[in-house]
PDB file of N, CA and C in Angstrom:
ATOM      1  N   GLY A   1      18.232  25.230  41.302  1.00  0.00           N
ATOM      2  CA  GLY A   1      17.490  24.567  40.218  1.00  0.00           C
ATOM      3  C   GLY A   1      17.854  25.132  38.865  1.00  0.00           C
ATOM      4  N   SER A   2      19.097  25.634  38.723  1.00  0.00           N
ATOM      5  CA  SER A   2      19.475  26.245  37.447  1.00  0.00           C
ATOM      6  C   SER A   2      19.516  25.213  36.321  1.00  0.00           C
ATOM      7  N   ALA A   3      19.905  23.970  36.654  1.00  0.00           N
ATOM      8  CA  ALA A   3      19.926  22.912  35.635  1.00  0.00           C
ATOM      9  C   ALA A   3      18.510  22.676  35.102  1.00  0.00           C
ATOM     10  N   TYR A   4      17.541  22.690  36.022  1.00  0.00           N
ATOM     11  CA  TYR A   4      16.143  22.519  35.620  1.00  0.00           C
ATOM     12  C   TYR A   4      15.693  23.663  34.713  1.00  0.00           C
ATOM     13  N   GLU A   5      16.102  24.891  35.083  1.00  0.00           N
ATOM     14  CA  GLU A   5      15.721  26.059  34.276  1.00  0.00           C
ATOM     15  C   GLU A   5      16.276  25.946  32.864  1.00  0.00           C
ATOM     16  N   VAL A   6      17.555  25.547  32.774  1.00  0.00           N
ATOM     17  CA  VAL A   6      18.187  25.386  31.457  1.00  0.00           C
ATOM     18  C   VAL A   6      17.451  24.313  30.659  1.00  0.00           C
ATOM     19  N   ALA A   7      17.171  23.192  31.337  1.00  0.00           N
ATOM     20  CA  ALA A   7      16.459  22.097  30.664  1.00  0.00           C
ATOM     21  C   ALA A   7      15.083  22.556  30.201  1.00  0.00           C
ATOM     22  N   GLY A   8      14.399  23.322  31.067  1.00  0.00           N
ATOM     23  CA  GLY A   8      13.073  23.833  30.723  1.00  0.00           C
ATOM     24  C   GLY A   8      13.118  24.749  29.513  1.00  0.00           C
ATOM     25  N   LYS A   9      14.124  25.639  29.492  1.00  0.00           N
ATOM     26  CA  LYS A   9      14.274  26.555  28.357  1.00  0.00           C
ATOM     27  C   LYS A   9      14.535  25.778  27.075  1.00  0.00           C
ATOM     28  N   LYS A  10      15.426  24.765  27.182  1.00  0.00           N
ATOM     29  CA  LYS A  10      15.743  23.948  25.997  1.00  0.00           C
ATOM     30  C   LYS A  10      14.500  23.230  25.494  1.00  0.00           C
ATOM     31  N   ALA A  11      13.712  22.702  26.437  1.00  0.00           N
ATOM     32  CA  ALA A  11      12.483  21.993  26.059  1.00  0.00           C
ATOM     33  C   ALA A  11      11.533  22.931  25.329  1.00  0.00           C
ATOM     34  N   ASN A  12      11.392  24.158  25.863  1.00  0.00           N
ATOM     35  CA  ASN A  12      10.518  25.142  25.217  1.00  0.00           C
ATOM     36  C   ASN A  12      11.021  25.498  23.823  1.00  0.00           C
ATOM     37  N   GLN A  13      12.339  25.681  23.706  1.00  0.00           N
ATOM     38  CA  GLN A  13      12.920  25.995  22.400  1.00  0.00           C
ATOM     39  C   GLN A  13      12.645  24.857  21.416  1.00  0.00           C
ATOM     40  N   SER A  14      12.826  23.621  21.901  1.00  0.00           N
ATOM     41  CA  SER A  14      12.573  22.463  21.032  1.00  0.00           C
ATOM     42  C   SER A  14      11.122  22.444  20.581  1.00  0.00           C
ATOM     43  N   ARG A  15      10.223  22.738  21.532  1.00  0.00           N
ATOM     44  CA  ARG A  15       8.796  22.747  21.212  1.00  0.00           C
ATOM     45  C   ARG A  15       8.486  23.827  20.171  1.00  0.00           C
ATOM     46  N   GLU A  16       9.055  25.015  20.385  1.00  0.00           N
ATOM     47  CA  GLU A  16       8.834  26.112  19.431  1.00  0.00           C
ATOM     48  C   GLU A  16       9.371  25.745  18.057  1.00  0.00           C
ATOM     49  N   GLU A  17      10.557  25.143  18.057  1.00  0.00           N
ATOM     50  CA  GLU A  17      11.180  24.709  16.801  1.00  0.00           C
ATOM     51  C   GLU A  17      10.275  23.701  16.087  1.00  0.00           C
ATOM     52  N   ALA A  18       9.759  22.738  16.862  1.00  0.00           N
ATOM     53  CA  ALA A  18       8.880  21.712  16.290  1.00  0.00           C
ATOM     54  C   ALA A  18       7.623  22.345  15.701  1.00  0.00           C
ATOM     55  N   ASP A  19       7.038  23.296  16.448  1.00  0.00           N
ATOM     56  CA  ASP A  19       5.836  23.984  15.953  1.00  0.00           C
ATOM     57  C   ASP A  19       6.128  24.726  14.654  1.00  0.00           C
ATOM     58  N   ARG A  20       7.290  25.418  14.629  1.00  0.00           N
ATOM     59  CA  ARG A  20       7.663  26.184  13.446  1.00  0.00           C
ATOM     60  C   ARG A  20       7.825  25.252  12.238  1.00  0.00           C
ATOM     61  N   LEU A  21       8.491  24.123  12.484  1.00  0.00           N
ATOM     62  CA  LEU A  21       8.690  23.161  11.393  1.00  0.00           C
ATOM     63  C   LEU A  21       7.352  22.606  10.918  1.00  0.00           C
ATOM     64  N   ARG A  22       6.458  22.338  11.884  1.00  0.00           N
ATOM     65  CA  ARG A  22       5.145  21.804  11.527  1.00  0.00           C
ATOM     66  C   ARG A  22       4.410  22.786  10.618  1.00  0.00           C
ATOM     67  N   ILE A  23       4.478  24.077  10.974  1.00  0.00           N
ATOM     68  CA  ILE A  23       3.825  25.117  10.160  1.00  0.00           C
ATOM     69  C   ILE A  23       4.448  25.160   8.765  1.00  0.00           C
ATOM     70  N   GLU A  24       5.781  25.073   8.712  1.00  0.00           N
ATOM     71  CA  GLU A  24       6.462  25.088   7.411  1.00  0.00           C
ATOM     72  C   GLU A  24       6.025  23.906   6.550  1.00  0.00           C
ATOM     73  N   VAL A  25       5.907  22.738   7.191  1.00  0.00           N
ATOM     74  CA  VAL A  25       5.472  21.541   6.455  1.00  0.00           C
ATOM     75  C   VAL A  25       4.059  21.743   5.918  1.00  0.00           C
ATOM     76  N   GLU A  26       3.162  22.270   6.771  1.00  0.00           N
ATOM     77  CA  GLU A  26       1.784  22.540   6.338  1.00  0.00           C
ATOM     78  C   GLU A  26       1.765  23.495   5.146  1.00  0.00           C
ATOM     79  N   GLN A  27       2.591  24.567   5.230  1.00  0.00           N
ATOM     80  CA  GLN A  27       2.651  25.543   4.135  1.00  0.00           C
ATOM     81  C   GLN A  27       3.173  24.875   2.862  1.00  0.00           C
ATOM     82  N   ALA A  28       4.183  24.033   3.022  1.00  0.00           N
ATOM     83  CA  ALA A  28       4.737  23.330   1.860  1.00  0.00           C
ATOM     84  C   ALA A  28       3.685  22.422   1.239  1.00  0.00           C
ATOM     85  N   ARG A  29       2.907  21.734   2.115  1.00  0.00           N
ATOM     86  CA  ARG A  29       1.832  20.871   1.615  1.00  0.00           C
ATOM     87  C   ARG A  29       0.795  21.674   0.846  1.00  0.00           C
ATOM     88  N   ALA A  30       0.399  22.817   1.432  1.00  0.00           N
ATOM     89  CA  ALA A  30      -0.591  23.680   0.780  1.00  0.00           C
ATOM     90  C   ALA A  30      -0.070  24.136  -0.582  1.00  0.00           C
ATOM     91  N   ALA A  31       1.201  24.547  -0.608  1.00  0.00           N
ATOM     92  CA  ALA A  31       1.810  24.984  -1.867  1.00  0.00           C
ATOM     93  C   ALA A  31       1.809  23.841  -2.878  1.00  0.00           C
ATOM     94  N   ALA A  32       2.154  22.649  -2.405  1.00  0.00           N
ATOM     95  CA  ALA A  32       2.188  21.477  -3.289  1.00  0.00           C
ATOM     96  C   ALA A  32       0.804  21.194  -3.849  1.00  0.00           C
ATOM     97  N   THR A  33      -0.213  21.304  -2.987  1.00  0.00           N
ATOM     98  CA  THR A  33      -1.593  21.073  -3.431  1.00  0.00           C
ATOM     99  C   THR A  33      -1.975  22.075  -4.512  1.00  0.00           C
ATOM    100  N   ASN A  34      -1.615  23.351  -4.301  1.00  0.00           N
ATOM    101  CA  ASN A  34      -1.905  24.387  -5.302  1.00  0.00           C
ATOM    102  C   ASN A  34      -1.211  24.078  -6.617  1.00  0.00           C
ATOM    103  N   VAL A  35       0.058  23.689  -6.522  1.00  0.00           N
ATOM    104  CA  VAL A  35       0.822  23.372  -7.734  1.00  0.00           C
ATOM    105  C   VAL A  35       0.172  22.203  -8.451  1.00  0.00           C
ATOM    106  N   GLN A  36      -0.230  21.172  -7.673  1.00  0.00           N
ATOM    107  CA  GLN A  36      -0.873  20.012  -8.292  1.00  0.00           C
ATOM    108  C   GLN A  36      -2.168  20.412  -8.985  1.00  0.00           C
ATOM    109  N   ALA A  37      -2.953  21.275  -8.326  1.00  0.00           N
ATOM    110  CA  ALA A  37      -4.211  21.729  -8.916  1.00  0.00           C
ATOM    111  C   ALA A  37      -3.953  22.478 -10.217  1.00  0.00           C
ATOM    112  N   ASP A  38      -2.928  23.355 -10.206  1.00  0.00           N
ATOM    113  CA  ASP A  38      -2.593  24.127 -11.407  1.00  0.00           C
ATOM    114  C   ASP A  38      -2.157  23.210 -12.547  1.00  0.00           C
ATOM    115  N   GLN A  39      -1.445  22.152 -12.192  1.00  0.00           N
ATOM    116  CA  GLN A  39      -0.824  21.327 -13.225  1.00  0.00           C
ATOM    117  C   GLN A  39      -1.578  20.028 -13.495  1.00  0.00           C
ATOM    118  N   ALA A  40      -2.782  19.914 -12.940  1.00  0.00           N
ATOM    119  CA  ALA A  40      -3.542  18.673 -13.118  1.00  0.00           C
ATOM    120  C   ALA A  40      -3.734  18.348 -14.594  1.00  0.00           C
ATOM    121  N   THR A  41      -3.878  19.408 -15.421  1.00  0.00           N
ATOM    122  CA  THR A  41      -4.106  19.184 -16.850  1.00  0.00           C
ATOM    123  C   THR A  41      -2.807  18.917 -17.603  1.00  0.00           C
ATOM    124  N   GLU A  42      -1.675  19.270 -16.985  1.00  0.00           N
ATOM    125  CA  GLU A  42      -0.384  19.095 -17.654  1.00  0.00           C
ATOM    126  C   GLU A  42       0.523  18.224 -16.794  1.00  0.00           C
ATOM    127  N   VAL A  43       0.181  16.945 -16.750  1.00  0.00           N
ATOM    128  CA  VAL A  43       0.875  16.029 -15.837  1.00  0.00           C
ATOM    129  C   VAL A  43       2.359  15.927 -16.176  1.00  0.00           C
ATOM    130  N   GLU A  44       2.688  16.008 -17.467  1.00  0.00           N
ATOM    131  CA  GLU A  44       4.101  15.841 -17.858  1.00  0.00           C
ATOM    132  C   GLU A  44       4.979  16.970 -17.332  1.00  0.00           C
ATOM    133  N   GLN A  45       4.367  18.123 -16.985  1.00  0.00           N
ATOM    134  CA  GLN A  45       5.138  19.250 -16.445  1.00  0.00           C
ATOM    135  C   GLN A  45       5.185  19.242 -14.919  1.00  0.00           C
ATOM    136  N   GLU A  46       4.545  18.237 -14.317  1.00  0.00           N
ATOM    137  CA  GLU A  46       4.476  18.168 -12.856  1.00  0.00           C
ATOM    138  C   GLU A  46       5.866  17.989 -12.256  1.00  0.00           C
ATOM    139  N   GLU A  47       6.066  18.592 -11.091  1.00  0.00           N
ATOM    140  CA  GLU A  47       7.337  18.420 -10.387  1.00  0.00           C
ATOM    141  C   GLU A  47       7.538  16.936 -10.070  1.00  0.00           C
ATOM    142  N   PRO A  48       8.734  16.404 -10.316  1.00  0.00           N
ATOM    143  CA  PRO A  48       8.963  14.971 -10.064  1.00  0.00           C
ATOM    144  C   PRO A  48       8.643  14.551  -8.633  1.00  0.00           C
ATOM    145  N   TRP A  49       8.965  15.404  -7.655  1.00  0.00           N
ATOM    146  CA  TRP A  49       8.705  14.993  -6.261  1.00  0.00           C
ATOM    147  C   TRP A  49       7.217  14.942  -5.953  1.00  0.00           C
ATOM    148  N   LEU A  50       6.411  15.748  -6.650  1.00  0.00           N
ATOM    149  CA  LEU A  50       4.957  15.667  -6.477  1.00  0.00           C
ATOM    150  C   LEU A  50       4.430  14.369  -7.067  1.00  0.00           C
ATOM    151  N   ARG A  51       4.973  14.014  -8.238  1.00  0.00           N
ATOM    152  CA  ARG A  51       4.589  12.756  -8.866  1.00  0.00           C
ATOM    153  C   ARG A  51       4.946  11.599  -7.942  1.00  0.00           C
ATOM    154  N   LEU A  52       6.157  11.664  -7.382  1.00  0.00           N
ATOM    155  CA  LEU A  52       6.625  10.622  -6.469  1.00  0.00           C
ATOM    156  C   LEU A  52       5.688  10.496  -5.275  1.00  0.00           C
ATOM    157  N   GLU A  53       5.288  11.652  -4.721  1.00  0.00           N
ATOM    158  CA  GLU A  53       4.391  11.645  -3.559  1.00  0.00           C
ATOM    159  C   GLU A  53       3.083  10.937  -3.902  1.00  0.00           C
ATOM    160  N   ARG A  54       2.523  11.254  -5.074  1.00  0.00           N
ATOM    161  CA  ARG A  54       1.263  10.633  -5.482  1.00  0.00           C
ATOM    162  C   ARG A  54       1.438   9.128  -5.676  1.00  0.00           C
ATOM    163  N   VAL A  55       2.566   8.757  -6.304  1.00  0.00           N
ATOM    164  CA  VAL A  55       2.842   7.331  -6.535  1.00  0.00           C
ATOM    165  C   VAL A  55       2.973   6.597  -5.206  1.00  0.00           C
ATOM    166  N   GLN A  56       3.643   7.226  -4.229  1.00  0.00           N
ATOM    167  CA  GLN A  56       3.818   6.590  -2.920  1.00  0.00           C
ATOM    168  C   GLN A  56       2.478   6.378  -2.225  1.00  0.00           C
ATOM    169  N   VAL A  57       1.599   7.372  -2.311  1.00  0.00           N
ATOM    170  CA  VAL A  57       0.265   7.239  -1.713  1.00  0.00           C
ATOM    171  C   VAL A  57      -0.473   6.076  -2.370  1.00  0.00           C
ATOM    172  N   GLU A  58      -0.422   6.002  -3.695  1.00  0.00           N
ATOM    173  CA  GLU A  58      -1.078   4.934  -4.441  1.00  0.00           C
ATOM    174  C   GLU A  58      -0.488   3.584  -4.059  1.00  0.00           C
ATOM    175  N   LEU A  59       0.847   3.534  -3.957  1.00  0.00           N
ATOM    176  CA  LEU A  59       1.536   2.297  -3.583  1.00  0.00           C
ATOM    177  C   LEU A  59       1.075   1.812  -2.217  1.00  0.00           C
ATOM    178  N   GLU A  60       0.984   2.731  -1.252  1.00  0.00           N
ATOM    179  CA  GLU A  60       0.527   2.361   0.094  1.00  0.00           C
ATOM    180  C   GLU A  60      -0.883   1.787   0.046  1.00  0.00           C
ATOM    181  N   ARG A  61      -1.742   2.404  -0.763  1.00  0.00           N
ATOM    182  CA  ARG A  61      -3.126   1.935  -0.882  1.00  0.00           C
ATOM    183  C   ARG A  61      -3.160   0.511  -1.444  1.00  0.00           C
ATOM    184  N   VAL A  62      -2.355   0.283  -2.486  1.00  0.00           N
ATOM    185  CA  VAL A  62      -2.300  -1.036  -3.125  1.00  0.00           C
ATOM    186  C   VAL A  62      -1.751  -2.081  -2.160  1.00  0.00           C
ATOM    187  N   GLN A  63      -0.672  -1.709  -1.431  1.00  0.00           N
ATOM    188  CA  GLN A  63      -0.079  -2.642  -0.470  1.00  0.00           C
ATOM    189  C   GLN A  63      -1.070  -2.998   0.628  1.00  0.00           C
ATOM    190  N   GLU A  64      -1.839  -2.004   1.084  1.00  0.00           N
ATOM    191  CA  GLU A  64      -2.837  -2.239   2.129  1.00  0.00           C
ATOM    192  C   GLU A  64      -3.889  -3.227   1.629  1.00  0.00           C
ATOM    193  N   ALA A  65      -4.353  -3.029   0.386  1.00  0.00           N
ATOM    194  CA  ALA A  65      -5.338  -3.937  -0.205  1.00  0.00           C
ATOM    195  C   ALA A  65      -4.765  -5.345  -0.337  1.00  0.00           C
ATOM    196  N   ALA A  66      -3.510  -5.427  -0.768  1.00  0.00           N
ATOM    197  CA  ALA A  66      -2.855  -6.728  -0.913  1.00  0.00           C
ATOM    198  C   ALA A  66      -2.746  -7.428   0.432  1.00  0.00           C
ATOM    199  N   ARG A  67      -2.403  -6.648   1.473  1.00  0.00           N
ATOM    200  CA  ARG A  67      -2.291  -7.218   2.822  1.00  0.00           C
ATOM    201  C   ARG A  67      -3.634  -7.777   3.268  1.00  0.00           C
ATOM    202  N   ALA A  68      -4.701  -7.014   3.018  1.00  0.00           N
ATOM    203  CA  ALA A  68      -6.044  -7.451   3.405  1.00  0.00           C
ATOM    204  C   ALA A  68      -6.413  -8.746   2.690  1.00  0.00           C
ATOM    205  N   HIS A  69      -6.129  -8.827   1.391  1.00  0.00           N
ATOM    206  CA  HIS A  69      -6.396 -10.045   0.619  1.00  0.00           C
ATOM    207  C   HIS A  69      -5.603 -11.218   1.174  1.00  0.00           C
ATOM    208  N   GLN A  70      -4.324 -10.983   1.513  1.00  0.00           N
ATOM    209  CA  GLN A  70      -3.461 -12.044   2.026  1.00  0.00           C
ATOM    210  C   GLN A  70      -4.003 -12.565   3.356  1.00  0.00           C
ATOM    211  N   GLU A  71      -4.446 -11.653   4.217  1.00  0.00           N
ATOM    212  CA  GLU A  71      -5.017 -12.055   5.509  1.00  0.00           C
ATOM    213  C   GLU A  71      -6.258 -12.908   5.289  1.00  0.00           C
ATOM    214  N   ARG A  72      -7.098 -12.497   4.335  1.00  0.00           N
ATOM    215  CA  ARG A  72      -8.310 -13.260   4.054  1.00  0.00           C
ATOM    216  C   ARG A  72      -7.949 -14.640   3.515  1.00  0.00           C
ATOM    217  N   ALA A  73      -6.958 -14.686   2.647  1.00  0.00           N
ATOM    218  CA  ALA A  73      -6.514 -15.964   2.087  1.00  0.00           C
ATOM    219  C   ALA A  73      -5.997 -16.877   3.188  1.00  0.00           C
ATOM    220  N   ASP A  74      -5.214 -16.304   4.122  1.00  0.00           N
ATOM    221  CA  ASP A  74      -4.677 -17.090   5.239  1.00  0.00           C
ATOM    222  C   ASP A  74      -5.800 -17.632   6.110  1.00  0.00           C
ATOM    223  N   GLU A  75      -6.799 -16.790   6.405  1.00  0.00           N
ATOM    224  CA  GLU A  75      -7.935 -17.231   7.224  1.00  0.00           C
ATOM    225  C   GLU A  75      -8.661 -18.388   6.552  1.00  0.00           C
ATOM    226  N   LEU A  76      -8.890 -18.257   5.250  1.00  0.00           N
ATOM    227  CA  LEU A  76      -9.627 -19.290   4.520  1.00  0.00           C
ATOM    228  C   LEU A  76      -8.807 -20.564   4.365  1.00  0.00           C
ATOM    229  N   ALA A  77      -7.492 -20.418   4.301  1.00  0.00           N
ATOM    230  CA  ALA A  77      -6.637 -21.578   4.058  1.00  0.00           C
ATOM    231  C   ALA A  77      -6.601 -22.512   5.264  1.00  0.00           C
ATOM    232  N   GLU A  78      -6.758 -21.971   6.482  1.00  0.00           N
ATOM    233  CA  GLU A  78      -6.597 -22.798   7.674  1.00  0.00           C
ATOM    234  C   GLU A  78      -7.584 -23.959   7.717  1.00  0.00           C
ATOM    235  N   PRO A  79      -8.909 -23.704   7.651  1.00  0.00           N
ATOM    236  CA  PRO A  79      -9.821 -24.853   7.717  1.00  0.00           C
ATOM    237  C   PRO A  79      -9.892 -25.638   6.404  1.00  0.00           C
ATOM    238  N   ALA A  80      -9.392 -25.062   5.325  1.00  0.00           N
ATOM    239  CA  ALA A  80      -9.554 -25.677   4.005  1.00  0.00           C
ATOM    240  C   ALA A  80      -8.739 -26.958   3.880  1.00  0.00           C
ATOM    241  N   SER A  81      -9.233 -27.862   3.055  1.00  0.00           N
ATOM    242  CA  SER A  81      -8.505 -29.108   2.808  1.00  0.00           C
ATOM    243  C   SER A  81      -7.198 -28.777   2.109  1.00  0.00           C
ATOM    244  N   ARG A  82      -6.151 -29.554   2.378  1.00  0.00           N
ATOM    245  CA  ARG A  82      -4.827 -29.232   1.860  1.00  0.00           C
ATOM    246  C   ARG A  82      -4.759 -29.365   0.335  1.00  0.00           C
ATOM    247  N   SER A  83      -5.624 -30.157  -0.254  1.00  0.00           N
ATOM    248  CA  SER A  83      -5.548 -30.374  -1.701  1.00  0.00           C
ATOM    249  C   SER A  83      -6.029 -29.155  -2.484  1.00  0.00           C
ATOM    250  N   VAL A  84      -6.791 -28.259  -1.827  1.00  0.00           N
ATOM    251  CA  VAL A  84      -7.302 -27.073  -2.520  1.00  0.00           C
ATOM    252  C   VAL A  84      -6.469 -25.866  -2.112  1.00  0.00           C
ATOM    253  N   PRO A  85      -5.741 -25.240  -3.052  1.00  0.00           N
ATOM    254  CA  PRO A  85      -4.916 -24.079  -2.699  1.00  0.00           C
ATOM    255  C   PRO A  85      -5.792 -22.906  -2.270  1.00  0.00           C
ATOM    256  N   ALA A  86      -5.286 -22.127  -1.316  1.00  0.00           N
ATOM    257  CA  ALA A  86      -6.046 -20.993  -0.779  1.00  0.00           C
ATOM    258  C   ALA A  86      -6.445 -20.017  -1.881  1.00  0.00           C
ATOM    259  N   CYS A  87      -5.567 -19.848  -2.879  1.00  0.00           N
ATOM    260  CA  CYS A  87      -5.844 -18.852  -3.908  1.00  0.00           C
ATOM    261  C   CYS A  87      -7.101 -19.200  -4.690  1.00  0.00           C
ATOM    262  N   VAL A  88      -7.354 -20.491  -4.876  1.00  0.00           N
ATOM    263  CA  VAL A  88      -8.546 -20.913  -5.617  1.00  0.00           C
ATOM    264  C   VAL A  88      -9.796 -20.561  -4.825  1.00  0.00           C
ATOM    265  N   ILE A  89      -9.741 -20.786  -3.491  1.00  0.00           N
ATOM    266  CA  ILE A  89     -10.880 -20.464  -2.637  1.00  0.00           C
ATOM    267  C   ILE A  89     -11.163 -18.965  -2.686  1.00  0.00           C
ATOM    268  N   VAL A  90     -10.114 -18.160  -2.518  1.00  0.00           N
ATOM    269  CA  VAL A  90     -10.276 -16.707  -2.557  1.00  0.00           C
ATOM    270  C   VAL A  90     -10.853 -16.284  -3.898  1.00  0.00           C
ATOM    271  N   PHE A  91     -10.340 -16.886  -4.964  1.00  0.00           N
ATOM    272  CA  PHE A  91     -10.783 -16.524  -6.305  1.00  0.00           C
ATOM    273  C   PHE A  91     -12.269 -16.832  -6.483  1.00  0.00           C
ATOM    274  N   ASN A  92     -12.726 -17.983  -5.951  1.00  0.00           N
ATOM    275  CA  ASN A  92     -14.128 -18.350  -6.096  1.00  0.00           C
ATOM    276  C   ASN A  92     -15.047 -17.444  -5.282  1.00  0.00           C
ATOM    277  N   LEU A  93     -14.593 -17.026  -4.092  1.00  0.00           N
ATOM    278  CA  LEU A  93     -15.423 -16.164  -3.254  1.00  0.00           C
ATOM    279  C   LEU A  93     -15.538 -14.767  -3.849  1.00  0.00           C
ATOM    280  N   ASP A  94     -14.441 -14.290  -4.427  1.00  0.00           N
ATOM    281  CA  ASP A  94     -14.403 -12.921  -4.923  1.00  0.00           C
ATOM    282  C   ASP A  94     -13.771 -12.939  -6.304  1.00  0.00           C
ATOM    283  N   SER A  95     -14.604 -13.029  -7.325  1.00  0.00           N
ATOM    284  CA  SER A  95     -14.079 -13.223  -8.680  1.00  0.00           C
ATOM    285  C   SER A  95     -13.269 -12.025  -9.162  1.00  0.00           C
ATOM    286  N   SER A  96     -13.450 -10.860  -8.507  1.00  0.00           N
ATOM    287  CA  SER A  96     -12.683  -9.681  -8.925  1.00  0.00           C
ATOM    288  C   SER A  96     -11.250  -9.750  -8.416  1.00  0.00           C
ATOM    289  N   ALA A  97     -11.021 -10.552  -7.365  1.00  0.00           N
ATOM    290  CA  ALA A  97      -9.666 -10.655  -6.810  1.00  0.00           C
ATOM    291  C   ALA A  97      -8.816 -11.541  -7.706  1.00  0.00           C
ATOM    292  N   GLN A  98      -7.621 -11.089  -7.984  1.00  0.00           N
ATOM    293  CA  GLN A  98      -6.681 -11.872  -8.777  1.00  0.00           C
ATOM    294  C   GLN A  98      -6.021 -12.868  -7.828  1.00  0.00           C
ATOM    295  N   PRO A  99      -6.119 -14.179  -8.071  1.00  0.00           N
ATOM    296  CA  PRO A  99      -5.477 -15.121  -7.146  1.00  0.00           C
ATOM    297  C   PRO A  99      -3.964 -14.929  -7.159  1.00  0.00           C
ATOM    298  N   ALA A 100      -3.366 -14.975  -5.974  1.00  0.00           N
ATOM    299  CA  ALA A 100      -1.933 -14.707  -5.859  1.00  0.00           C
ATOM    300  C   ALA A 100      -1.116 -15.779  -6.563  1.00  0.00           C
ATOM    301  N   CYS A 101      -1.646 -17.005  -6.594  1.00  0.00           N
ATOM    302  CA  CYS A 101      -0.831 -18.098  -7.132  1.00  0.00           C
ATOM    303  C   CYS A 101      -1.506 -18.705  -8.357  1.00  0.00           C
ATOM    304  N   GLU A 102      -1.932 -17.858  -9.274  1.00  0.00           N
ATOM    305  CA  GLU A 102      -2.633 -18.327 -10.476  1.00  0.00           C
ATOM    306  C   GLU A 102      -1.774 -19.331 -11.241  1.00  0.00           C
ATOM    307  N   GLU A 103      -0.470 -19.003 -11.389  1.00  0.00           N
ATOM    308  CA  GLU A 103       0.408 -19.883 -12.161  1.00  0.00           C
ATOM    309  C   GLU A 103       0.580 -21.223 -11.449  1.00  0.00           C
ATOM    310  N   GLU A 104       0.813 -21.149 -10.116  1.00  0.00           N
ATOM    311  CA  GLU A 104       1.064 -22.375  -9.377  1.00  0.00           C
ATOM    312  C   GLU A 104      -0.184 -23.259  -9.303  1.00  0.00           C
ATOM    313  N   SER A 105      -1.369 -22.632  -9.327  1.00  0.00           N
ATOM    314  CA  SER A 105      -2.589 -23.406  -9.116  1.00  0.00           C
ATOM    315  C   SER A 105      -2.758 -24.474 -10.198  1.00  0.00           C
ATOM    316  N   SER A 106      -2.239 -24.212 -11.405  1.00  0.00           N
ATOM    317  CA  SER A 106      -2.370 -25.213 -12.467  1.00  0.00           C
ATOM    318  C   SER A 106      -1.610 -26.485 -12.099  1.00  0.00           C
ATOM    319  N   ILE A 107      -0.480 -26.313 -11.378  1.00  0.00           N
ATOM    320  CA  ILE A 107       0.301 -27.475 -10.950  1.00  0.00           C
ATOM    321  C   ILE A 107      -0.484 -28.255  -9.899  1.00  0.00           C
ATOM    322  N   VAL A 108      -1.075 -27.512  -8.943  1.00  0.00           N
ATOM    323  CA  VAL A 108      -1.809 -28.162  -7.854  1.00  0.00           C
ATOM    324  C   VAL A 108      -3.001 -28.932  -8.410  1.00  0.00           C
ATOM    325  N   LEU A 109      -3.660 -28.366  -9.416  1.00  0.00           N
ATOM    326  CA  LEU A 109      -4.876 -28.973  -9.955  1.00  0.00           C
ATOM    327  C   LEU A 109      -4.567 -29.973 -11.075  1.00  0.00           C
ATOM    328  N   ASN A 110      -3.303 -30.345 -11.202  1.00  0.00           N
ATOM    329  CA  ASN A 110      -2.899 -31.169 -12.335  1.00  0.00           C
ATOM    330  C   ASN A 110      -3.180 -32.657 -12.149  1.00  0.00           C
ATOM    331  N   ASP A 111      -3.964 -33.024 -11.119  1.00  0.00           N
ATOM    332  CA  ASP A 111      -4.352 -34.430 -10.957  1.00  0.00           C
ATOM    333  C   ASP A 111      -5.127 -34.858 -12.213  1.00  0.00           C
ATOM    334  N   ASP A 112      -5.887 -33.913 -12.762  1.00  0.00           N
ATOM    335  CA  ASP A 112      -6.662 -34.163 -13.974  1.00  0.00           C
ATOM    336  C   ASP A 112      -5.724 -34.016 -15.176  1.00  0.00           C
ATOM    337  N   PRO A 113      -5.448 -35.097 -15.906  1.00  0.00           N
ATOM    338  CA  PRO A 113      -4.488 -35.008 -17.018  1.00  0.00           C
ATOM    339  C   PRO A 113      -4.950 -34.040 -18.114  1.00  0.00           C
ATOM    340  N   ASP A 114      -6.266 -33.821 -18.224  1.00  0.00           N
ATOM    341  CA  ASP A 114      -6.778 -32.921 -19.262  1.00  0.00           C
ATOM    342  C   ASP A 114      -6.554 -31.453 -18.920  1.00  0.00           C
ATOM    343  N   SER A 115      -6.374 -31.143 -17.618  1.00  0.00           N
ATOM    344  CA  SER A 115      -6.363 -29.734 -17.210  1.00  0.00           C
ATOM    345  C   SER A 115      -5.253 -28.957 -17.904  1.00  0.00           C
ATOM    346  N   GLU A 116      -4.060 -29.551 -18.013  1.00  0.00           N
ATOM    347  CA  GLU A 116      -2.944 -28.855 -18.651  1.00  0.00           C
ATOM    348  C   GLU A 116      -3.254 -28.632 -20.133  1.00  0.00           C
ATOM    349  N   ALA A 117      -3.806 -29.651 -20.774  1.00  0.00           N
ATOM    350  CA  ALA A 117      -4.152 -29.534 -22.191  1.00  0.00           C
ATOM    351  C   ALA A 117      -5.208 -28.448 -22.381  1.00  0.00           C
ATOM    352  N   ARG A 118      -6.220 -28.446 -21.500  1.00  0.00           N
ATOM    353  CA  ARG A 118      -7.276 -27.450 -21.609  1.00  0.00           C
ATOM    354  C   ARG A 118      -6.707 -26.043 -21.472  1.00  0.00           C
ATOM    355  N   ARG A 119      -5.754 -25.871 -20.531  1.00  0.00           N
ATOM    356  CA  ARG A 119      -5.158 -24.552 -20.312  1.00  0.00           C
ATOM    357  C   ARG A 119      -4.389 -24.082 -21.545  1.00  0.00           C
ATOM    358  N   SER A 120      -3.694 -25.002 -22.197  1.00  0.00           N
ATOM    359  CA  SER A 120      -2.830 -24.584 -23.307  1.00  0.00           C
ATOM    360  C   SER A 120      -3.629 -24.316 -24.575  1.00  0.00           C
ATOM    361  N   LEU A 121      -4.884 -24.743 -24.622  1.00  0.00           N
ATOM    362  CA  LEU A 121      -5.703 -24.498 -25.821  1.00  0.00           C
ATOM    363  C   LEU A 121      -6.093 -23.039 -25.923  1.00  0.00           C
TER     364      LEU A 121
END
């Protein structure tokens, strides 16, 4: 079973290596947090990669919110009459939400000849 022993040793080494790397990552995170805390008042001096990390976290949050809004819009659009764009329905239900197709909605609602004139005023 020498092949098994070698494989077992390699597996253990890999596990130890992974644990060591995990600890290093945790330490790096802790260091980054300390640096961010120190430099919170001086954002312009912040390390670029820390800024990038914060921006990425914010981006993920925004994308998640956008995905949730899109799912809600899709759900509402299914039973809705085809003449009413989904974005208008979403906008009416939640006035804080920016409709995804604000520009296009003016075209859809253009059955009323006054609507374009009213918009341009």
